[in-house]
Amino acid sequence: MVLKLYGNAVSPCTHRVALVLNEKEVPFEFHSIEFAKIEHKSPSYLEKQPFGQVPYIEDDDGFILYESRAIALYIATKYPDQGTKGLVPTDPKANALFHQAVYVEVTHFDDPAAKVTFEKNVKPKYFKGPVDEAYIEKLSNTLDAKLSVYDKILEKQKYLAGEELTLADLYHLPYGVQLAPIGIKNLVEKPNVSRWFKELEERKSWLDVKKTFNIQ
């Protein structure tokens, strides 16, 4: 059996899981869950993902897991010597710095980045709703302040957790790539952040995700 990824082609969280699967060179089958058909709220789907969100995986032994970062951590720890190594450091101090960087991404980046992309892109495109420009400006200012701190961190080290790439860095890609196209330039205007993110964008694992899901 091959690992199965159940998600949606426009879902950043689905992209996050596919990115790590590519990085670890784990073959997988993608099974599309269609939002338009409300497949993610069907009884059979809710048996696997009780919150009715995407994605979840079914491993080759039938193991079910949801939440994109939990899935990524599972994949990286299950295949430590396959593909890119060191995505989850094992040294106690390096591991603590890794988890610190993960919490930084979740707390300081993911929330405003997800909200601004929803307001600027998803809301008008899929829900035909009005765009709140004042709210977008507020979120952009929040991101700018947070990424100014990132820039200071990345002035001293190559990646968020130190000198080696970890999952914490990769977690930024699915929402980060959506910012500049909608006019949020925070990632490209700060020199150290720009250097760091440009390198992430050029990784083969991400280029393969773009190809798989037709991300422009």
Protein backbone atom coordinates (compact mmCIF):
# COMPACT_ATOMS: atom_id res chain seq x y z
CA MET A 1 0.00 0.00 0.00
CA VAL A 2 0.97 3.64 -0.51
CA LEU A 3 0.29 6.48 1.89
CA LYS A 4 -2.87 8.38 0.94
CA LEU A 5 -3.25 12.14 1.34
CA TYR A 6 -6.84 13.38 1.50
CA GLY A 7 -7.04 17.10 0.88
CA ASN A 8 -7.95 19.86 -1.52
CA ALA A 9 -5.82 21.33 -4.31
CA VAL A 10 -6.25 24.92 -3.06
CA SER A 11 -5.68 24.12 0.64
CA PRO A 12 -2.42 25.51 2.09
CA CYS A 13 -2.49 22.85 4.81
CA THR A 14 -2.70 20.16 2.14
CA HIS A 15 0.27 21.79 0.41
CA ARG A 16 2.20 21.76 3.70
CA VAL A 17 1.81 17.99 4.04
CA ALA A 18 2.66 17.32 0.38
CA LEU A 19 5.76 19.50 0.76
CA VAL A 20 7.10 17.42 3.64
CA LEU A 21 6.22 14.16 1.89
CA ASN A 22 8.26 15.38 -1.09
CA GLU A 23 11.10 16.56 1.13
CA LYS A 24 11.28 13.10 2.74
CA GLU A 25 10.83 11.35 -0.62
CA VAL A 26 7.74 9.46 0.57
CA PRO A 27 5.47 8.39 -2.32
CA PHE A 28 1.80 9.16 -1.84
CA GLU A 29 -1.57 9.10 -3.56
CA PHE A 30 -3.56 12.32 -3.52
CA HIS A 31 -7.32 12.00 -3.04
CA SER A 32 -9.19 15.20 -3.71
CA ILE A 33 -11.88 16.26 -1.24
CA GLU A 34 -14.24 18.60 -3.07
CA PHE A 35 -15.36 21.59 -1.01
CA ALA A 36 -18.06 22.47 -3.57
CA LYS A 37 -19.69 19.10 -2.92
CA ILE A 38 -19.20 19.52 0.85
CA GLU A 39 -17.39 16.18 0.93
CA HIS A 40 -15.40 17.32 3.98
CA LYS A 41 -18.62 17.40 6.04
CA SER A 42 -19.95 14.00 5.00
CA PRO A 43 -20.42 11.35 7.72
CA SER A 44 -17.77 9.08 6.17
CA TYR A 45 -15.24 11.91 6.09
CA LEU A 46 -16.01 13.02 9.65
CA GLU A 47 -15.20 9.51 10.84
CA LYS A 48 -11.61 10.17 9.76
CA GLN A 49 -11.38 13.94 10.40
CA PRO A 50 -13.98 14.86 13.05
CA PHE A 51 -13.50 18.61 12.55
CA GLY A 52 -14.40 18.38 8.86
CA GLN A 53 -11.20 20.01 7.65
CA VAL A 54 -8.38 19.02 5.31
CA PRO A 55 -6.04 17.27 5.14
CA TYR A 56 -5.67 13.90 6.74
CA ILE A 57 -3.50 10.93 5.82
CA GLU A 58 -4.01 7.21 5.81
CA ASP A 59 -0.63 5.52 6.12
CA ASP A 60 0.17 2.26 4.40
CA ASP A 61 -0.76 0.32 7.57
CA GLY A 62 -4.13 2.05 7.90
CA PHE A 63 -3.01 4.62 10.50
CA ILE A 64 -5.13 7.79 10.28
CA LEU A 65 -3.77 11.22 11.25
CA TYR A 66 -5.01 14.77 10.78
CA GLU A 67 -3.62 18.30 11.41
CA SER A 68 -0.92 19.25 8.91
CA ARG A 69 1.91 19.90 11.37
CA ALA A 70 1.22 16.67 13.25
CA ILE A 71 1.32 14.81 9.94
CA ALA A 72 4.57 16.53 8.94
CA LEU A 73 6.17 15.65 12.28
CA TYR A 74 5.03 12.05 11.95
CA ILE A 75 6.48 11.72 8.45
CA ALA A 76 9.79 13.36 9.37
CA THR A 77 10.26 11.17 12.44
CA LYS A 78 9.11 7.97 10.75
CA TYR A 79 11.66 8.45 7.94
CA PRO A 80 14.61 10.18 9.67
CA ASP A 81 17.23 8.84 7.25
CA GLN A 82 15.20 9.21 4.07
CA GLY A 83 15.22 12.34 1.92
CA THR A 84 16.28 15.54 3.67
CA LYS A 85 17.73 14.70 7.07
CA GLY A 86 17.56 16.71 10.27
CA LEU A 87 14.14 18.28 9.75
CA VAL A 88 13.41 17.36 13.38
CA PRO A 89 16.62 17.67 15.41
CA THR A 90 17.24 15.00 18.04
CA ASP A 91 19.78 16.81 20.24
CA PRO A 92 17.82 18.14 23.24
CA LYS A 93 18.85 21.77 22.81
CA ALA A 94 18.48 21.73 19.02
CA ASN A 95 15.10 20.04 19.42
CA ALA A 96 13.99 22.72 21.89
CA LEU A 97 15.03 25.45 19.44
CA PHE A 98 13.13 23.62 16.71
CA HIS A 99 9.93 23.58 18.76
CA GLN A 100 10.49 27.22 19.65
CA ALA A 101 10.63 28.03 15.93
CA VAL A 102 7.47 26.00 15.29
CA TYR A 103 5.59 27.96 17.95
CA VAL A 104 6.91 31.19 16.42
CA GLU A 105 5.45 30.17 13.04
CA VAL A 106 2.10 29.18 14.52
CA THR A 107 1.79 32.18 16.85
CA HIS A 108 3.36 35.03 14.93
CA PHE A 109 3.09 34.15 11.24
CA ASP A 110 0.35 31.67 10.40
CA ASP A 111 -2.57 33.56 11.96
CA PRO A 112 -2.11 36.97 10.25
CA ALA A 113 -0.89 35.38 7.00
CA ALA A 114 -3.91 33.06 6.80
CA LYS A 115 -6.34 35.83 7.66
CA VAL A 116 -4.95 38.34 5.15
CA THR A 117 -4.91 35.80 2.30
CA PHE A 118 -8.49 34.83 3.13
CA GLU A 119 -9.65 38.46 3.21
CA LYS A 120 -7.77 39.55 0.10
CA ASN A 121 -8.05 36.44 -2.06
CA VAL A 122 -10.33 33.65 -0.83
CA LYS A 123 -13.25 35.80 0.34
CA PRO A 124 -13.84 37.70 -2.93
CA LYS A 125 -12.89 34.76 -5.18
CA TYR A 126 -14.88 31.94 -3.59
CA PHE A 127 -17.47 33.68 -1.39
CA LYS A 128 -18.05 36.82 -3.49
CA GLY A 129 -17.78 38.87 -0.32
CA PRO A 130 -16.58 42.49 0.03
CA VAL A 131 -12.94 43.07 0.92
CA ASP A 132 -12.26 44.97 4.15
CA GLU A 133 -9.25 47.11 3.23
CA ALA A 134 -8.87 48.49 6.76
CA TYR A 135 -8.66 44.94 8.11
CA ILE A 136 -6.10 44.03 5.46
CA GLU A 137 -3.97 47.03 6.41
CA LYS A 138 -4.13 46.02 10.07
CA LEU A 139 -3.07 42.45 9.28
CA SER A 140 -0.30 43.69 6.97
CA ASN A 141 1.02 45.94 9.73
CA THR A 142 0.95 43.01 12.16
CA LEU A 143 2.89 40.85 9.71
CA ASP A 144 5.37 43.65 9.13
CA ALA A 145 6.08 43.93 12.85
CA LYS A 146 6.46 40.17 13.27
CA LEU A 147 8.71 39.81 10.22
CA SER A 148 10.91 42.63 11.47
CA VAL A 149 11.68 40.34 14.41
CA TYR A 150 12.24 37.46 11.97
CA ASP A 151 14.73 39.65 10.13
CA LYS A 152 16.75 40.18 13.31
CA ILE A 153 16.74 36.44 14.03
CA LEU A 154 17.79 35.58 10.48
CA GLU A 155 20.55 38.16 10.55
CA LYS A 156 22.32 35.92 13.07
CA GLN A 157 21.54 32.49 11.65
CA LYS A 158 20.56 30.84 8.39
CA TYR A 159 17.24 29.33 9.49
CA LEU A 160 14.68 29.95 12.22
CA ALA A 161 15.97 27.21 14.54
CA GLY A 162 19.68 27.67 13.78
CA GLU A 163 22.02 26.80 10.94
CA GLU A 164 20.07 23.80 9.65
CA LEU A 165 16.75 23.60 7.80
CA THR A 166 13.86 22.23 9.88
CA LEU A 167 10.14 21.69 9.46
CA ALA A 168 9.61 25.07 11.11
CA ASP A 169 11.03 26.81 8.03
CA LEU A 170 9.05 24.70 5.57
CA TYR A 171 5.79 25.38 7.40
CA HIS A 172 5.89 29.00 6.17
CA LEU A 173 5.75 28.20 2.46
CA PRO A 174 2.04 27.53 1.75
CA TYR A 175 0.82 30.88 3.07
CA GLY A 176 4.05 32.79 2.47
CA VAL A 177 3.96 32.33 -1.30
CA GLN A 178 0.47 33.85 -1.42
CA LEU A 179 1.44 37.18 0.14
CA ALA A 180 3.36 39.00 -2.60
CA PRO A 181 0.81 38.21 -5.36
CA ILE A 182 -1.92 39.91 -3.30
CA GLY A 183 0.24 42.97 -2.62
CA ILE A 184 1.59 42.05 0.82
CA LYS A 185 5.32 42.63 0.34
CA ASN A 186 6.60 42.03 3.88
CA LEU A 187 8.51 38.87 2.98
CA VAL A 188 10.44 40.46 0.14
CA GLU A 189 11.17 43.86 1.67
CA LYS A 190 13.33 42.64 4.57
CA PRO A 191 16.79 41.48 3.46
CA ASN A 192 17.34 38.50 5.75
CA VAL A 193 13.75 37.29 5.52
CA SER A 194 13.87 37.68 1.74
CA ARG A 195 17.08 35.63 1.47
CA TRP A 196 15.65 32.90 3.69
CA PHE A 197 12.28 32.70 1.97
CA LYS A 198 13.68 32.81 -1.56
CA GLU A 199 15.78 29.75 -0.76
CA LEU A 200 12.71 27.92 0.55
CA GLU A 201 10.69 28.78 -2.57
CA GLU A 202 13.40 27.30 -4.79
CA ARG A 203 13.48 23.90 -3.10
CA LYS A 204 12.58 21.03 -5.44
CA SER A 205 10.05 19.75 -2.92
CA TRP A 206 8.07 22.99 -3.21
CA LEU A 207 8.41 23.19 -6.99
CA ASP A 208 6.92 19.69 -7.13
CA VAL A 209 4.02 20.81 -4.92
CA LYS A 210 3.36 23.70 -7.29
CA LYS A 211 3.32 21.31 -10.22
CA THR A 212 1.07 18.77 -8.49
CA PHE A 213 -1.53 21.33 -7.44
CA ASN A 214 -1.11 23.79 -10.31
CA ILE A 215 -0.03 26.64 -8.04
CA GLN A 216 0.90 29.73 -10.03
